[in-house]
């Protein structure tokens, strides 16, 4: 229990514990923990290996609810040294199994001096030590978060602690008017119901609406399994697709979930009906978008392009560029799967058509597909980079792009989204991706008013 007179906790082993490692115990962070009556323990990392081992032992004694870490330059060098190699690996392996956020000074990650604080660093790890440590952290899939100022650390840490206290599992941003936005809403509502009735998982679905879009958040206990809620969602959309084309296979899935035999038939009928309706609506929505794009292009191209236009080629271009319907899960994959037509890249779809027409078509399609949130100058560039390098985190990064752009979204969430994107750009550059990170990073900072 917390004693306000001594500013210490008499830790209770039957209650969750928040670990604060390194110089992370900022006033705002501590105030938030005290206000929510969450017990916490701060441990310094500029210390001997024995102290690090004592941190590992907290995982055996307490239920660690979350971990915040700040790795300063000297600590990074310690981790890379032989004396700390084994204990740091044990510690990071334990941390990786819990909600975590690892703060690293941004200029260390980029290797480029970007602020006055760089000149004030009393210690800088070698590039070899930094690469070694980052490789260990990334292989364990710890959540690295770059920062430039301590004020950012406070905002991001407070946001993280609020999310972990509310058991945030998943969040996605859907721009208003985006293709399949209505179907996405229905799909997520069905998913929440499915988790409760079929998966026996208690979750809450919250929504934050702005004039630009809707932020959906799932809160609850993390489902069992290696990939948690993302795996549950993949299983759910597969189940819905089976309800349409193979009901016996869909029924087998319900049986495997230990469903009550009396309820099984009722549930199968309900989800089959909903799945069929979703499939129809998804296909019809795409058809409406394609028709709208064709009609808009007919108006714009007639004025812009003199002479005859090969409308058959234009229509082929539209069909190739608009996201195709590939199942009920497709509605959440727009930002990470749609693509432009590259008339120069022979590996992509090639259509012999005026490049000016291609540019107009791609621009119109992007506006029609992405909805009423017009991305800034570098927004589409960021989307392309996520499509190319985002891999399993593509949806999360697309959500971050839209959050950064939406000035009505909560500021802490926008700051966190911006830092996620900067981390992504830094990682791609470090791994040899053929991008220049300076312009997109500056764009993110300008959007956030930094």
Protein backbone atom coordinates (compact mmCIF):
# COMPACT_ATOMS: atom_id res chain seq x y z
CA UNK A 1 0.00 0.00 0.00
CA UNK A 2 1.22 3.54 -0.80
CA UNK A 3 2.30 5.70 2.16
CA UNK A 4 1.99 9.42 1.20
CA UNK A 5 4.17 10.48 4.13
CA UNK A 6 7.22 8.53 2.95
CA UNK A 7 6.34 8.44 -0.79
CA UNK A 8 6.96 4.69 -0.84
CA UNK A 9 4.97 1.52 -1.37
CA UNK A 10 4.71 -1.46 0.88
CA UNK A 11 4.39 -3.79 -2.10
CA UNK A 12 1.65 -6.42 -2.01
CA UNK A 13 2.38 -9.61 -3.92
CA UNK A 14 -1.29 -10.29 -4.65
CA UNK A 15 -1.68 -7.04 -6.64
CA UNK A 16 -0.38 -6.14 -10.12
CA UNK A 17 2.88 -4.21 -10.24
CA UNK A 18 4.07 -1.60 -12.75
CA UNK A 19 7.84 -1.62 -13.30
CA UNK A 20 9.62 1.66 -14.06
CA UNK A 21 13.15 0.97 -15.26
CA UNK A 22 15.73 3.69 -15.74
CA UNK A 23 15.09 7.41 -15.42
CA UNK A 24 11.42 7.12 -16.36
CA UNK A 25 9.70 8.11 -13.11
CA UNK A 26 8.67 11.58 -14.29
CA UNK A 27 6.28 13.59 -12.13
CA UNK A 28 3.34 13.12 -14.49
CA UNK A 29 3.91 9.36 -14.66
CA UNK A 30 4.07 8.97 -10.89
CA UNK A 31 1.03 11.21 -10.36
CA UNK A 32 -1.01 9.12 -12.77
CA UNK A 33 -0.03 5.87 -11.04
CA UNK A 34 -0.86 7.31 -7.62
CA UNK A 35 -4.20 8.68 -8.81
CA UNK A 36 -5.19 5.28 -10.18
CA UNK A 37 -3.89 3.55 -7.02
CA UNK A 38 -1.61 1.25 -9.00
CA UNK A 39 1.45 0.01 -7.18
CA UNK A 40 4.75 0.50 -8.91
CA UNK A 41 8.46 -0.07 -8.42
CA UNK A 42 11.26 2.04 -9.83
CA UNK A 43 14.65 0.44 -10.49
CA UNK A 44 17.71 2.19 -11.88
CA UNK A 45 19.62 0.62 -14.74
CA UNK A 46 22.89 2.50 -14.27
CA UNK A 47 23.78 -0.15 -11.72
CA UNK A 48 25.56 -3.46 -11.28
CA UNK A 49 24.41 -6.74 -12.89
CA UNK A 50 23.22 -7.93 -9.46
CA UNK A 51 20.64 -5.16 -9.42
CA UNK A 52 19.46 -6.20 -12.88
CA UNK A 53 19.03 -9.75 -11.61
CA UNK A 54 16.90 -8.43 -8.75
CA UNK A 55 14.63 -6.85 -11.39
CA UNK A 56 14.25 -10.23 -13.11
CA UNK A 57 13.17 -11.71 -9.79
CA UNK A 58 10.23 -9.30 -9.56
CA UNK A 59 8.65 -11.27 -12.40
CA UNK A 60 8.70 -14.38 -10.20
CA UNK A 61 7.22 -12.64 -7.17
CA UNK A 62 4.63 -10.29 -8.68
CA UNK A 63 2.15 -10.20 -11.53
CA UNK A 64 3.79 -7.52 -13.62
CA UNK A 65 1.04 -5.55 -15.38
CA UNK A 66 3.28 -3.37 -17.55
CA UNK A 67 6.86 -2.14 -17.95
CA UNK A 68 8.19 1.30 -18.87
CA UNK A 69 11.90 1.53 -19.71
CA UNK A 70 14.16 4.44 -20.61
CA UNK A 71 17.48 3.40 -22.12
CA UNK A 72 20.00 6.20 -21.87
CA UNK A 73 23.28 6.01 -23.86
CA UNK A 74 25.32 4.60 -20.98
CA UNK A 75 22.77 1.86 -20.25
CA UNK A 76 22.87 0.85 -23.93
CA UNK A 77 26.63 0.38 -23.62
CA UNK A 78 26.13 -1.69 -20.47
CA UNK A 79 23.67 -3.99 -22.22
CA UNK A 80 26.15 -4.55 -25.04
CA UNK A 81 28.96 -5.49 -22.62
CA UNK A 82 29.74 -9.09 -21.70
CA UNK A 83 29.06 -8.47 -18.01
CA UNK A 84 25.41 -7.61 -18.71
CA UNK A 85 24.76 -9.78 -21.76
CA UNK A 86 23.09 -12.72 -20.01
CA UNK A 87 21.14 -10.82 -17.36
CA UNK A 88 19.89 -8.23 -19.85
CA UNK A 89 18.68 -10.97 -22.18
CA UNK A 90 16.83 -12.69 -19.31
CA UNK A 91 15.27 -9.39 -18.32
CA UNK A 92 14.17 -8.46 -21.85
CA UNK A 93 12.74 -11.93 -22.41
CA UNK A 94 10.53 -11.47 -19.34
CA UNK A 95 9.56 -7.93 -20.34
CA UNK A 96 8.59 -9.06 -23.85
CA UNK A 97 5.74 -11.13 -22.39
CA UNK A 98 4.17 -8.03 -20.79
CA UNK A 99 2.80 -4.75 -22.18
CA UNK A 100 5.90 -2.60 -22.54
CA UNK A 101 7.35 0.59 -23.94
CA UNK A 102 11.10 1.15 -24.37
CA UNK A 103 12.17 4.80 -24.77
CA UNK A 104 15.34 5.50 -26.74
CA UNK A 105 16.63 8.96 -27.65
CA UNK A 106 15.70 9.58 -31.28
CA UNK A 107 19.07 10.94 -32.39
CA UNK A 108 20.72 7.74 -31.14
CA UNK A 109 18.42 5.70 -33.36
CA UNK A 110 19.00 7.84 -36.44
CA UNK A 111 22.68 8.52 -35.79
CA UNK A 112 22.08 12.14 -36.78
CA UNK A 113 22.28 15.10 -34.41
CA UNK A 114 18.87 16.71 -34.60
CA UNK A 115 18.63 18.85 -31.48
CA UNK A 116 20.67 20.75 -28.90
CA UNK A 117 20.27 17.84 -26.47
CA UNK A 118 22.58 15.77 -28.69
CA UNK A 119 25.51 18.05 -27.79
CA UNK A 120 24.69 17.66 -24.11
CA UNK A 121 25.03 13.89 -24.10
CA UNK A 122 27.85 12.92 -21.77
CA UNK A 123 28.11 9.43 -23.30
CA UNK A 124 27.40 7.99 -26.71
CA UNK A 125 27.45 4.26 -27.39
CA UNK A 126 29.38 2.98 -30.38
CA UNK A 127 27.42 2.13 -33.49
CA UNK A 128 28.32 -1.54 -32.98
CA UNK A 129 26.97 -1.52 -29.40
CA UNK A 130 23.79 0.29 -30.45
CA UNK A 131 23.11 -2.08 -33.35
CA UNK A 132 23.71 -5.08 -31.09
CA UNK A 133 21.26 -3.86 -28.45
CA UNK A 134 18.59 -2.82 -30.95
CA UNK A 135 18.80 -6.19 -32.66
CA UNK A 136 18.16 -7.98 -29.36
CA UNK A 137 15.22 -5.71 -28.54
CA UNK A 138 13.67 -5.95 -32.00
CA UNK A 139 14.04 -9.75 -32.14
CA UNK A 140 12.03 -9.95 -28.92
CA UNK A 141 9.44 -7.57 -30.41
CA UNK A 142 9.70 -5.03 -27.60
CA UNK A 143 7.92 -1.71 -28.27
CA UNK A 144 10.71 0.78 -28.96
CA UNK A 145 9.51 4.38 -28.80
CA UNK A 146 11.83 7.20 -29.97
CA UNK A 147 11.74 10.55 -28.20
CA UNK A 148 13.42 13.94 -28.52
CA UNK A 149 12.38 15.65 -25.30
CA UNK A 150 11.51 14.43 -21.83
CA UNK A 151 8.10 16.08 -22.18
CA UNK A 152 7.36 13.60 -24.98
CA UNK A 153 8.34 10.72 -22.71
CA UNK A 154 5.85 11.89 -20.10
CA UNK A 155 2.98 12.23 -22.58
CA UNK A 156 3.69 8.87 -24.19
CA UNK A 157 4.19 7.06 -20.88
CA UNK A 158 0.94 8.46 -19.47
CA UNK A 159 -0.94 7.41 -22.62
CA UNK A 160 0.56 3.93 -22.40
CA UNK A 161 -0.40 3.56 -18.72
CA UNK A 162 -3.99 4.65 -19.42
CA UNK A 163 -4.24 2.10 -22.22
CA UNK A 164 -2.86 -0.73 -20.09
CA UNK A 165 -5.14 0.14 -17.18
CA UNK A 166 -8.10 0.01 -19.57
CA UNK A 167 -6.78 -3.27 -21.05
CA UNK A 168 -6.58 -1.89 -24.59
CA UNK A 169 -6.16 -4.81 -27.00
CA UNK A 170 -6.63 -3.33 -30.44
CA UNK A 171 -7.40 -0.01 -32.13
CA UNK A 172 -8.09 0.96 -35.71
CA UNK A 173 -8.92 4.27 -37.40
CA UNK A 174 -11.53 4.23 -40.18
CA UNK A 175 -11.85 7.50 -42.17
CA UNK A 176 -15.40 8.70 -42.80
CA UNK A 177 -16.60 7.86 -46.30
CA UNK A 178 -13.84 5.33 -46.90
CA UNK A 179 -14.81 2.36 -49.01
CA UNK A 180 -16.45 -0.28 -46.80
CA UNK A 181 -16.52 2.00 -43.73
CA UNK A 182 -20.13 1.04 -42.92
CA UNK A 183 -19.34 -2.64 -43.42
CA UNK A 184 -16.27 -2.31 -41.20
CA UNK A 185 -18.45 -0.94 -38.41
CA UNK A 186 -20.82 -3.91 -38.69
CA UNK A 187 -17.92 -6.35 -38.91
CA UNK A 188 -16.31 -5.05 -35.71
CA UNK A 189 -19.63 -5.11 -33.86
CA UNK A 190 -20.12 -8.73 -34.96
CA UNK A 191 -16.58 -9.57 -33.88
CA UNK A 192 -17.22 -8.24 -30.37
CA UNK A 193 -20.38 -10.32 -30.15
CA UNK A 194 -18.57 -13.41 -31.51
CA UNK A 195 -15.81 -13.10 -28.90
CA UNK A 196 -18.42 -13.03 -26.17
CA UNK A 197 -20.85 -15.71 -27.36
CA UNK A 198 -18.48 -18.12 -29.10
CA UNK A 199 -15.03 -17.39 -27.70
CA UNK A 200 -16.27 -16.73 -24.13
CA UNK A 201 -13.97 -13.68 -24.04
CA UNK A 202 -15.25 -10.56 -22.29
CA UNK A 203 -14.39 -7.48 -24.36
CA UNK A 204 -15.71 -3.95 -24.73
CA UNK A 205 -15.82 -2.04 -28.02
CA UNK A 206 -15.47 1.74 -27.69
CA UNK A 207 -15.66 4.39 -30.39
CA UNK A 208 -14.22 7.89 -30.66
CA UNK A 209 -15.77 9.91 -33.48
CA UNK A 210 -14.41 13.02 -35.15
CA UNK A 211 -15.50 14.82 -38.31
CA UNK A 212 -12.72 12.92 -40.10
CA UNK A 213 -13.33 9.35 -38.95
CA UNK A 214 -13.91 6.83 -36.18
CA UNK A 215 -11.37 5.26 -33.82
CA UNK A 216 -12.43 1.77 -32.71
CA UNK A 217 -10.90 0.30 -29.55
CA UNK A 218 -11.27 -3.18 -28.09
CA UNK A 219 -10.73 -3.46 -24.33
CA UNK A 220 -10.59 -6.62 -22.24
CA UNK A 221 -8.42 -9.56 -21.27
CA UNK A 222 -5.96 -10.70 -23.91
CA UNK A 223 -7.17 -13.93 -25.59
CA UNK A 224 -4.94 -16.93 -25.08
CA UNK A 225 -2.61 -17.87 -27.90
CA UNK A 226 0.55 -16.59 -29.49
CA UNK A 227 -1.00 -13.77 -31.50
CA UNK A 228 -3.91 -12.78 -29.28
CA UNK A 229 -6.74 -10.71 -30.69
CA UNK A 230 -5.29 -10.47 -34.21
CA UNK A 231 -5.42 -14.26 -34.50
CA UNK A 232 -8.97 -14.28 -33.13
CA UNK A 233 -10.01 -11.75 -35.76
CA UNK A 234 -8.44 -13.79 -38.57
CA UNK A 235 -10.27 -16.88 -37.30
CA UNK A 236 -13.53 -14.91 -37.09
CA UNK A 237 -13.40 -13.59 -40.66
CA UNK A 238 -12.49 -17.08 -41.89
CA UNK A 239 -15.51 -18.41 -40.01
CA UNK A 240 -17.77 -15.82 -41.66
CA UNK A 241 -16.47 -16.73 -45.10
CA UNK A 242 -17.15 -20.41 -44.38
CA UNK A 243 -20.68 -19.51 -43.31
CA UNK A 244 -21.21 -18.36 -46.91
CA UNK A 245 -19.51 -21.13 -48.88
CA UNK A 246 -19.24 -24.17 -46.56
CA UNK A 247 -21.62 -24.27 -43.59
CA UNK A 248 -20.53 -27.73 -42.48
CA UNK A 249 -16.97 -26.42 -42.03
CA UNK A 250 -18.33 -23.38 -40.18
CA UNK A 251 -20.31 -25.68 -37.90
CA UNK A 252 -17.16 -27.71 -37.19
CA UNK A 253 -15.48 -24.53 -35.96
CA UNK A 254 -18.33 -23.89 -33.52
CA UNK A 255 -18.13 -27.48 -32.30
CA UNK A 256 -14.39 -27.04 -31.67
CA UNK A 257 -15.24 -24.01 -29.49
CA UNK A 258 -17.22 -26.27 -27.12
CA UNK A 259 -20.47 -24.53 -27.97
CA UNK A 260 -23.67 -25.59 -26.24
CA UNK A 261 -25.40 -27.97 -28.68
CA UNK A 262 -28.72 -26.21 -28.09
CA UNK A 263 -27.27 -22.83 -29.10
CA UNK A 264 -25.04 -24.05 -31.94
CA UNK A 265 -27.74 -24.17 -34.61
CA UNK A 266 -29.12 -20.78 -33.62
CA UNK A 267 -25.66 -19.18 -33.73
CA UNK A 268 -24.82 -20.77 -37.07
CA UNK A 269 -28.05 -19.49 -38.62
CA UNK A 270 -27.47 -15.97 -37.27
CA UNK A 271 -23.86 -15.64 -38.43
CA UNK A 272 -24.62 -17.24 -41.80
CA UNK A 273 -27.31 -14.64 -42.39
CA UNK A 274 -25.01 -11.78 -41.32
CA UNK A 275 -22.08 -13.12 -43.37
CA UNK A 276 -24.15 -13.41 -46.54
CA UNK A 277 -25.46 -9.88 -46.09
CA UNK A 278 -21.92 -8.58 -45.50
CA UNK A 279 -20.61 -10.34 -48.60
CA UNK A 280 -23.37 -8.81 -50.72
CA UNK A 281 -22.92 -5.33 -49.25
CA UNK A 282 -19.12 -5.44 -49.64
CA UNK A 283 -19.44 -6.36 -53.33
CA UNK A 284 -22.15 -3.78 -53.95
CA UNK A 285 -20.13 -1.04 -52.23
CA UNK A 286 -17.14 -1.76 -54.47
CA UNK A 287 -19.37 -1.68 -57.54
CA UNK A 288 -20.80 1.69 -56.44
CA UNK A 289 -17.30 3.11 -55.88
CA UNK A 290 -16.07 1.87 -59.26
CA UNK A 291 -19.10 3.39 -61.00
CA UNK A 292 -18.64 6.69 -59.16
CA UNK A 293 -14.95 6.78 -60.10
CA UNK A 294 -15.75 6.12 -63.77
CA UNK A 295 -18.35 8.86 -63.87
CA UNK A 296 -16.07 11.36 -62.13
CA UNK A 297 -13.20 10.56 -64.49
CA UNK A 298 -15.41 10.97 -67.53
CA UNK A 299 -16.13 14.53 -66.39
CA UNK A 300 -12.54 15.39 -65.46
CA UNK A 301 -10.65 13.73 -68.32
CA UNK A 302 -12.86 15.18 -71.05
CA UNK A 303 -11.81 18.66 -69.92
CA UNK A 304 -8.14 17.83 -69.19
CA UNK A 305 -7.13 15.47 -72.01
CA UNK A 306 -7.65 16.63 -75.60
CA UNK A 307 -8.44 14.07 -78.27
CA UNK A 308 -9.81 10.57 -78.02
CA UNK A 309 -9.46 8.65 -74.76
CA UNK A 310 -9.13 4.88 -74.61
CA UNK A 311 -11.96 4.32 -72.10
CA UNK A 312 -11.48 0.57 -72.21
CA UNK A 313 -7.91 1.03 -70.92
CA UNK A 314 -9.09 3.56 -68.32
CA UNK A 315 -11.72 1.13 -67.05
CA UNK A 316 -9.10 -1.63 -66.93
CA UNK A 317 -6.89 0.71 -64.90
CA UNK A 318 -9.72 1.42 -62.45
CA UNK A 319 -10.55 -2.26 -61.97
CA UNK A 320 -6.88 -3.07 -61.36
CA UNK A 321 -6.38 -0.27 -58.82
CA UNK A 322 -9.55 -0.32 -56.69
CA UNK A 323 -9.19 -2.87 -53.83
CA UNK A 324 -10.82 -6.13 -54.76
CA UNK A 325 -13.27 -8.02 -52.55
CA UNK A 326 -11.40 -11.00 -51.13
CA UNK A 327 -13.50 -11.90 -48.10
CA UNK A 328 -15.04 -10.20 -45.09
CA UNK A 329 -11.64 -9.29 -43.63
CA UNK A 330 -10.84 -7.14 -46.68
CA UNK A 331 -12.68 -4.11 -45.31
CA UNK A 332 -9.99 -3.55 -42.64
CA UNK A 333 -7.08 -3.90 -45.06
CA UNK A 334 -7.64 -0.90 -47.33
CA UNK A 335 -4.67 1.22 -46.40
CA UNK A 336 -2.23 -1.67 -46.51
CA UNK A 337 -3.38 -3.36 -49.73
CA UNK A 338 -4.58 -0.78 -52.25
CA UNK A 339 -2.03 0.12 -54.87
CA UNK A 340 -1.27 2.52 -57.68
CA UNK A 341 -0.52 1.40 -61.20
CA UNK A 342 3.16 1.75 -62.06
CA UNK A 343 3.53 2.06 -65.82
CA UNK A 344 7.31 1.70 -65.59
CA UNK A 345 7.61 -1.27 -63.22
CA UNK A 346 7.25 -4.43 -65.32
CA UNK A 347 6.68 -6.54 -62.20
CA UNK A 348 3.44 -4.69 -61.52
CA UNK A 349 0.27 -4.52 -63.59
CA UNK A 350 1.21 -2.81 -66.89
CA UNK A 351 -1.34 -0.86 -68.92
CA UNK A 352 -0.38 1.11 -72.03
CA UNK A 353 -1.95 4.48 -71.28
CA UNK A 354 -1.05 8.17 -71.14
CA UNK A 355 0.91 8.81 -67.88
CA UNK A 356 -1.13 11.98 -67.31
CA UNK A 357 -4.30 9.89 -67.36
CA UNK A 358 -2.70 7.41 -64.97
CA UNK A 359 -1.92 10.22 -62.53
CA UNK A 360 -5.47 11.55 -62.71
CA UNK A 361 -6.95 8.07 -62.25
CA UNK A 362 -4.74 7.28 -59.26
CA UNK A 363 -5.56 10.64 -57.65
CA UNK A 364 -9.33 10.22 -58.07
CA UNK A 365 -9.25 6.62 -56.82
CA UNK A 366 -7.20 7.57 -53.76
CA UNK A 367 -9.78 10.23 -52.81
CA UNK A 368 -12.74 7.92 -53.41
CA UNK A 369 -11.22 4.96 -51.59
CA UNK A 370 -9.74 6.79 -48.59
CA UNK A 371 -12.85 8.83 -47.80
CA UNK A 372 -13.17 12.46 -46.81
CA UNK A 373 -9.85 12.74 -44.96
CA UNK A 374 -7.52 14.27 -47.52
CA UNK A 375 -3.98 13.37 -46.54
CA UNK A 376 -1.30 16.06 -46.63
CA UNK A 377 1.52 16.19 -49.14
CA UNK A 378 3.55 13.33 -47.62
CA UNK A 379 0.56 11.30 -46.39
CA UNK A 380 0.25 9.19 -49.56
CA UNK A 381 4.03 8.70 -49.53
CA UNK A 382 3.83 7.32 -46.00
CA UNK A 383 0.99 4.98 -47.04
CA UNK A 384 3.14 3.65 -49.88
CA UNK A 385 6.05 3.03 -47.50
CA UNK A 386 3.75 1.16 -45.11
CA UNK A 387 2.43 -0.94 -47.99
CA UNK A 388 6.00 -1.82 -48.97
CA UNK A 389 7.67 -2.30 -45.59
CA UNK A 390 4.92 -2.46 -42.92
CA UNK A 391 4.47 -6.26 -43.06
CA UNK A 392 2.44 -7.52 -40.07
CA UNK A 393 2.13 -4.01 -38.58
CA UNK A 394 0.68 -2.45 -41.73
CA UNK A 395 -2.83 -1.90 -40.34
CA UNK A 396 -1.47 -0.42 -37.11
CA UNK A 397 0.75 1.99 -39.06
CA UNK A 398 -2.06 3.01 -41.42
CA UNK A 399 -4.16 3.85 -38.36
CA UNK A 400 -1.23 5.93 -37.06
CA UNK A 401 -1.07 7.91 -40.32
CA UNK A 402 -4.74 8.85 -40.12
CA UNK A 403 -4.53 9.70 -36.42
CA UNK A 404 -1.61 12.05 -37.03
CA UNK A 405 -3.61 13.78 -39.77
CA UNK A 406 -6.80 14.09 -37.69
CA UNK A 407 -6.33 17.18 -35.53
CA UNK A 408 -9.59 16.39 -33.67
CA UNK A 409 -8.22 13.09 -32.37
CA UNK A 410 -6.87 13.09 -28.77
CA UNK A 411 -3.44 14.78 -28.69
CA UNK A 412 -1.66 12.04 -26.67
CA UNK A 413 -2.85 9.43 -29.18
CA UNK A 414 -1.63 11.59 -32.08
CA UNK A 415 1.79 12.05 -30.46
CA UNK A 416 2.07 8.31 -29.89
CA UNK A 417 0.99 7.62 -33.48
CA UNK A 418 3.59 10.07 -34.77
CA UNK A 419 6.39 8.45 -32.78
CA UNK A 420 5.32 5.00 -34.03
CA UNK A 421 5.64 6.25 -37.59
CA UNK A 422 9.03 7.81 -36.92
CA UNK A 423 10.22 4.56 -35.39
CA UNK A 424 9.00 2.72 -38.49
CA UNK A 425 10.90 5.11 -40.79
CA UNK A 426 14.05 4.78 -38.68
CA UNK A 427 13.85 0.97 -38.76
CA UNK A 428 13.40 0.89 -42.53
CA UNK A 429 16.37 3.21 -43.02
CA UNK A 430 18.54 1.17 -40.63
CA UNK A 431 17.71 -2.03 -42.51
CA UNK A 432 18.73 -0.55 -45.83
CA UNK A 433 15.34 0.44 -47.20
CA UNK A 434 15.57 2.71 -50.23
CA UNK A 435 13.94 5.72 -48.59
CA UNK A 436 14.97 9.12 -47.35
CA UNK A 437 13.44 9.51 -43.91
CA UNK A 438 14.05 13.21 -43.39
CA UNK A 439 11.07 14.61 -45.32
CA UNK A 440 8.44 12.18 -43.96
CA UNK A 441 9.73 12.66 -40.39
CA UNK A 442 9.56 16.44 -40.73
CA UNK A 443 6.06 16.10 -42.13
CA UNK A 444 4.97 14.10 -39.05
CA UNK A 445 6.44 16.75 -36.72
CA UNK A 446 4.69 19.55 -38.63
CA UNK A 447 1.33 17.72 -38.37
CA UNK A 448 1.78 17.47 -34.60
CA UNK A 449 3.00 21.06 -34.25
CA UNK A 450 6.39 19.97 -32.90
